[in-house]
Every structure is written in structure tokens, then in C-alpha cells.
N, C-alpha and C. Protein backbone atom coordinates (compact mmCIF):
# COMPACT_ATOMS: atom_id res chain seq x y z
N MET A 1 125.74 62.75 204.79
CA MET A 1 125.33 62.27 206.02
C MET A 1 123.89 62.51 206.23
N PHE A 2 122.94 61.66 206.70
CA PHE A 2 121.89 61.67 206.82
C PHE A 2 121.21 61.54 208.31
N SER A 3 120.16 61.80 208.29
CA SER A 3 119.64 61.32 209.59
C SER A 3 118.76 60.34 209.96
N LEU A 4 118.58 59.77 210.41
CA LEU A 4 117.53 58.41 211.22
C LEU A 4 116.39 59.03 212.00
N ILE A 5 115.10 58.46 211.40
CA ILE A 5 113.96 58.72 212.45
C ILE A 5 113.77 57.27 212.79
N LEU A 6 114.01 56.97 214.00
CA LEU A 6 113.21 55.67 214.90
C LEU A 6 111.69 55.73 214.92
N GLN A 7 111.26 54.86 214.37
CA GLN A 7 109.87 54.52 214.63
C GLN A 7 109.28 53.15 215.04
N SER A 8 108.08 53.23 215.88
CA SER A 8 107.62 51.95 216.18
C SER A 8 106.03 51.92 215.82
N GLU A 9 105.46 51.06 216.43
CA GLU A 9 103.94 50.93 216.42
C GLU A 9 103.67 49.94 217.71
N ILE A 10 102.41 50.38 218.30
CA ILE A 10 102.32 49.44 219.28
C ILE A 10 99.99 49.37 219.00
N GLU A 11 99.99 48.70 219.33
CA GLU A 11 98.38 48.53 219.44
C GLU A 11 97.94 48.48 221.01
N VAL A 12 96.91 49.50 221.17
CA VAL A 12 96.20 49.96 222.33
C VAL A 12 94.90 49.17 222.44
N ILE A 13 94.88 48.18 223.79
CA ILE A 13 93.48 47.38 223.55
C ILE A 13 92.80 47.96 224.89
N TRP A 14 91.56 48.14 224.87
CA TRP A 14 90.89 48.63 225.91
C TRP A 14 89.35 48.10 225.80
N GLU A 15 88.60 47.79 227.24
CA GLU A 15 87.10 47.91 226.66
C GLU A 15 86.54 48.92 227.60
N LEU A 16 85.32 49.30 226.63
CA LEU A 16 84.53 50.64 226.94
C LEU A 16 82.86 49.74 226.75
N TYR A 17 82.12 50.25 227.28
CA TYR A 17 80.96 49.55 227.64
C TYR A 17 80.82 48.21 226.90
N ASN A 18 81.61 47.43 227.67
CA ASN A 18 81.23 46.09 227.38
C ASN A 18 81.99 45.42 226.14
N LYS A 19 82.30 46.34 225.04
CA LYS A 19 82.86 46.27 223.86
C LYS A 19 84.88 46.49 223.73
N ILE A 20 85.30 45.56 223.06
CA ILE A 20 86.69 45.59 223.01
C ILE A 20 86.98 46.79 221.79
N LYS A 21 87.70 47.60 222.30
CA LYS A 21 88.34 48.97 221.56
C LYS A 21 89.70 48.80 221.03
N LYS A 22 90.29 48.98 220.09
CA LYS A 22 91.76 48.93 219.75
C LYS A 22 92.12 50.48 219.08
N VAL A 23 93.20 50.45 219.14
CA VAL A 23 93.79 51.76 218.23
C VAL A 23 95.25 51.43 218.23
N HIS A 24 95.75 51.82 217.05
CA HIS A 24 97.45 51.56 217.06
C HIS A 24 97.47 53.01 217.03
N ILE A 25 99.06 52.94 217.41
CA ILE A 25 99.50 54.33 218.00
C ILE A 25 101.12 54.20 217.14
N ILE A 26 101.52 55.30 216.22
CA ILE A 26 102.88 55.38 215.60
C ILE A 26 103.70 56.20 216.53
N LEU A 27 104.84 55.52 216.84
CA LEU A 27 105.93 56.59 217.94
C LEU A 27 107.18 56.60 217.01
N LEU A 28 107.14 58.16 217.15
CA LEU A 28 108.62 58.47 216.40
C LEU A 28 109.58 59.02 217.48
N PHE A 29 110.88 58.58 217.41
CA PHE A 29 111.91 58.67 218.55
C PHE A 29 112.87 59.84 217.75
N PRO A 30 113.66 60.51 218.62
CA PRO A 30 114.68 61.14 217.44
C PRO A 30 116.04 60.82 217.97
N ASN A 31 116.26 59.78 218.80
CA ASN A 31 117.51 58.95 219.18
C ASN A 31 117.12 57.87 219.89
N PHE A 32 118.21 57.01 219.82
CA PHE A 32 118.19 55.56 220.93
C PHE A 32 117.88 55.34 222.38
N GLU A 33 118.58 56.81 222.96
CA GLU A 33 118.27 56.91 224.36
C GLU A 33 117.18 57.18 224.73
N ILE A 34 116.20 58.11 223.91
CA ILE A 34 114.89 58.20 224.38
C ILE A 34 114.08 56.86 224.17
N LEU A 35 114.44 56.34 222.96
CA LEU A 35 113.94 55.24 222.62
C LEU A 35 113.61 54.21 223.39
N ASP A 36 115.36 53.99 224.41
CA ASP A 36 115.41 53.61 225.50
C ASP A 36 114.41 53.46 226.24
N GLU A 37 114.11 54.62 227.02
CA GLU A 37 113.50 54.88 228.26
C GLU A 37 111.89 54.81 228.03
N ASN A 38 111.33 54.72 226.64
CA ASN A 38 110.43 54.70 226.07
C ASN A 38 109.64 53.38 226.33
N ILE A 39 110.85 52.35 225.75
CA ILE A 39 110.73 50.95 226.12
C ILE A 39 110.43 50.67 227.49
N ASP A 40 111.45 51.03 228.56
CA ASP A 40 111.08 51.24 230.03
C ASP A 40 109.45 51.36 230.56
N CYS A 41 109.10 52.30 230.13
CA CYS A 41 108.26 53.11 230.04
C CYS A 41 106.99 52.05 229.73
N LEU A 42 106.90 51.71 228.80
CA LEU A 42 105.76 51.08 228.10
C LEU A 42 105.81 49.63 228.38
N SER A 43 106.77 49.17 228.91
CA SER A 43 106.58 47.48 229.33
C SER A 43 106.27 47.33 230.65
N LYS A 44 105.73 48.72 231.29
CA LYS A 44 104.58 48.83 232.26
C LYS A 44 103.15 48.44 232.06
N TYR A 45 102.89 48.69 230.62
CA TYR A 45 101.46 48.32 230.41
C TYR A 45 101.39 46.93 229.33
N GLY A 46 102.39 46.15 228.85
CA GLY A 46 102.27 45.12 228.29
C GLY A 46 103.65 44.74 227.62
N ASN A 47 103.63 43.15 227.08
CA ASN A 47 104.73 42.87 226.54
C ASN A 47 105.32 43.34 225.29
N LEU A 48 106.55 43.86 225.47
CA LEU A 48 107.06 44.58 223.85
C LEU A 48 108.17 43.20 223.44
N LYS A 49 108.29 42.39 223.55
CA LYS A 49 108.76 41.24 223.28
C LYS A 49 108.26 40.38 222.21
N GLU A 50 106.58 40.63 222.28
CA GLU A 50 106.23 39.64 221.52
C GLU A 50 106.34 40.14 219.94
N GLU A 51 106.31 39.38 219.29
CA GLU A 51 106.69 39.54 217.77
C GLU A 51 105.51 40.02 217.05
N GLY A 52 105.39 40.90 216.06
CA GLY A 52 104.38 41.74 215.72
C GLY A 52 104.06 43.29 216.22
N LYS A 53 103.31 43.71 216.33
CA LYS A 53 102.66 44.79 216.94
C LYS A 53 102.76 44.42 218.32
N PRO A 54 103.55 45.23 219.37
CA PRO A 54 103.24 44.83 220.92
C PRO A 54 101.82 45.55 221.45
N LYS A 55 101.54 45.12 222.21
CA LYS A 55 99.92 45.16 222.70
C LYS A 55 100.10 45.66 223.96
N ILE A 56 99.47 46.98 224.21
CA ILE A 56 99.40 47.56 225.51
C ILE A 56 97.64 47.95 225.94
N PHE A 57 97.78 47.10 226.96
CA PHE A 57 96.17 47.06 227.47
C PHE A 57 96.33 47.67 228.63
N SER A 58 95.39 48.88 227.86
CA SER A 58 95.20 50.25 228.75
C SER A 58 94.22 51.01 227.83
N THR A 59 94.04 52.22 228.31
CA THR A 59 93.09 53.14 227.69
C THR A 59 94.27 53.91 226.62
N PRO A 60 93.95 54.63 225.77
CA PRO A 60 95.43 55.53 224.81
C PRO A 60 95.59 56.14 225.40
N GLU A 61 94.83 57.08 226.56
CA GLU A 61 95.27 57.99 226.83
C GLU A 61 96.70 57.62 228.13
N THR A 62 96.84 56.77 228.73
CA THR A 62 97.54 56.35 229.70
C THR A 62 99.04 56.20 229.38
N PRO A 63 99.29 55.48 228.14
CA PRO A 63 100.48 55.43 227.38
C PRO A 63 101.12 56.72 227.16
N THR A 64 100.05 57.39 226.26
CA THR A 64 100.58 58.52 225.51
C THR A 64 100.86 59.36 226.36
N TYR A 65 99.84 59.57 227.73
CA TYR A 65 100.23 60.68 228.64
C TYR A 65 101.78 60.04 229.55
N ALA A 66 102.14 59.12 229.58
CA ALA A 66 103.40 58.65 230.19
C ALA A 66 104.51 59.04 229.33
N LEU A 67 103.99 58.77 228.02
CA LEU A 67 105.32 58.88 227.25
C LEU A 67 105.58 60.34 226.85
N LYS A 68 104.60 61.10 226.86
CA LYS A 68 104.85 62.70 226.85
C LYS A 68 105.51 63.35 227.99
N LEU A 69 105.45 62.18 229.33
CA LEU A 69 106.33 62.81 230.39
C LEU A 69 107.59 62.94 230.20
N ILE A 70 108.02 61.75 229.36
CA ILE A 70 109.33 61.15 229.43
C ILE A 70 109.91 62.40 228.03
N ASN A 71 109.38 62.82 227.42
CA ASN A 71 109.73 63.88 226.77
C ASN A 71 108.46 64.55 225.54
N GLU A 72 108.39 65.44 225.85
CA GLU A 72 107.21 66.60 225.52
C GLU A 72 107.51 66.64 223.56
N ASN A 73 108.58 66.32 223.31
CA ASN A 73 109.21 66.72 221.97
C ASN A 73 108.82 65.18 221.04
N LYS A 74 108.36 64.23 222.07
CA LYS A 74 108.01 63.18 221.01
C LYS A 74 107.05 63.28 219.72
N ASP A 75 106.68 62.80 218.95
CA ASP A 75 105.63 62.93 218.08
C ASP A 75 104.75 61.52 218.15
N ILE A 76 103.60 61.61 218.51
CA ILE A 76 102.51 60.70 218.58
C ILE A 76 101.68 60.51 217.89
N ILE A 77 101.19 59.22 217.01
CA ILE A 77 100.36 59.61 215.97
C ILE A 77 99.23 58.00 216.13
N LYS A 78 98.12 58.93 216.33
CA LYS A 78 96.87 57.50 216.43
C LYS A 78 96.61 57.52 215.32
N SER A 79 96.71 56.06 214.90
CA SER A 79 96.22 55.75 213.52
C SER A 79 94.74 54.63 213.60
């Protein structure tokens, strides 16, 4: 028996002092149920169906905070 760790990465894009800023966030999920909840949450901030890394148009704190509200045990890695 083995365990799976579900992983995804998003790119967060925002403007600060008239400059475009970008950060990649790696998301780790313990199961498919929480993954589905996160997809619903993140779809408010950008198109998750595009190929490659989905782009979220928001400051990094907004989706990170929203995701932590769903499950505090989630690992979020800003890279």
C-alpha cells in the first residue's frame, strides 16, 4: 500500500506600484475531496481550465487565505 500526495501549482499575478508581480504557489492536497473544494475556491480568481499553470489575478495573500479557510492542514508553498 502506498499514499499519494496530490499536488498542483498556480501562478498569482498582481500589480504593485505600476509593476507586474508574479509568484508561483505549490499546493499539496491530502485527498481528492479537498482538491475539489480548492478548485471551486480558486475558480473565483482565475481560469483553472487553461493549459499549463493556471493564472490567478489577485495578490498572493487573497487565494492563500481563502484556501486556508477551507482546510488549515493544507500545505501551501510559495516558490
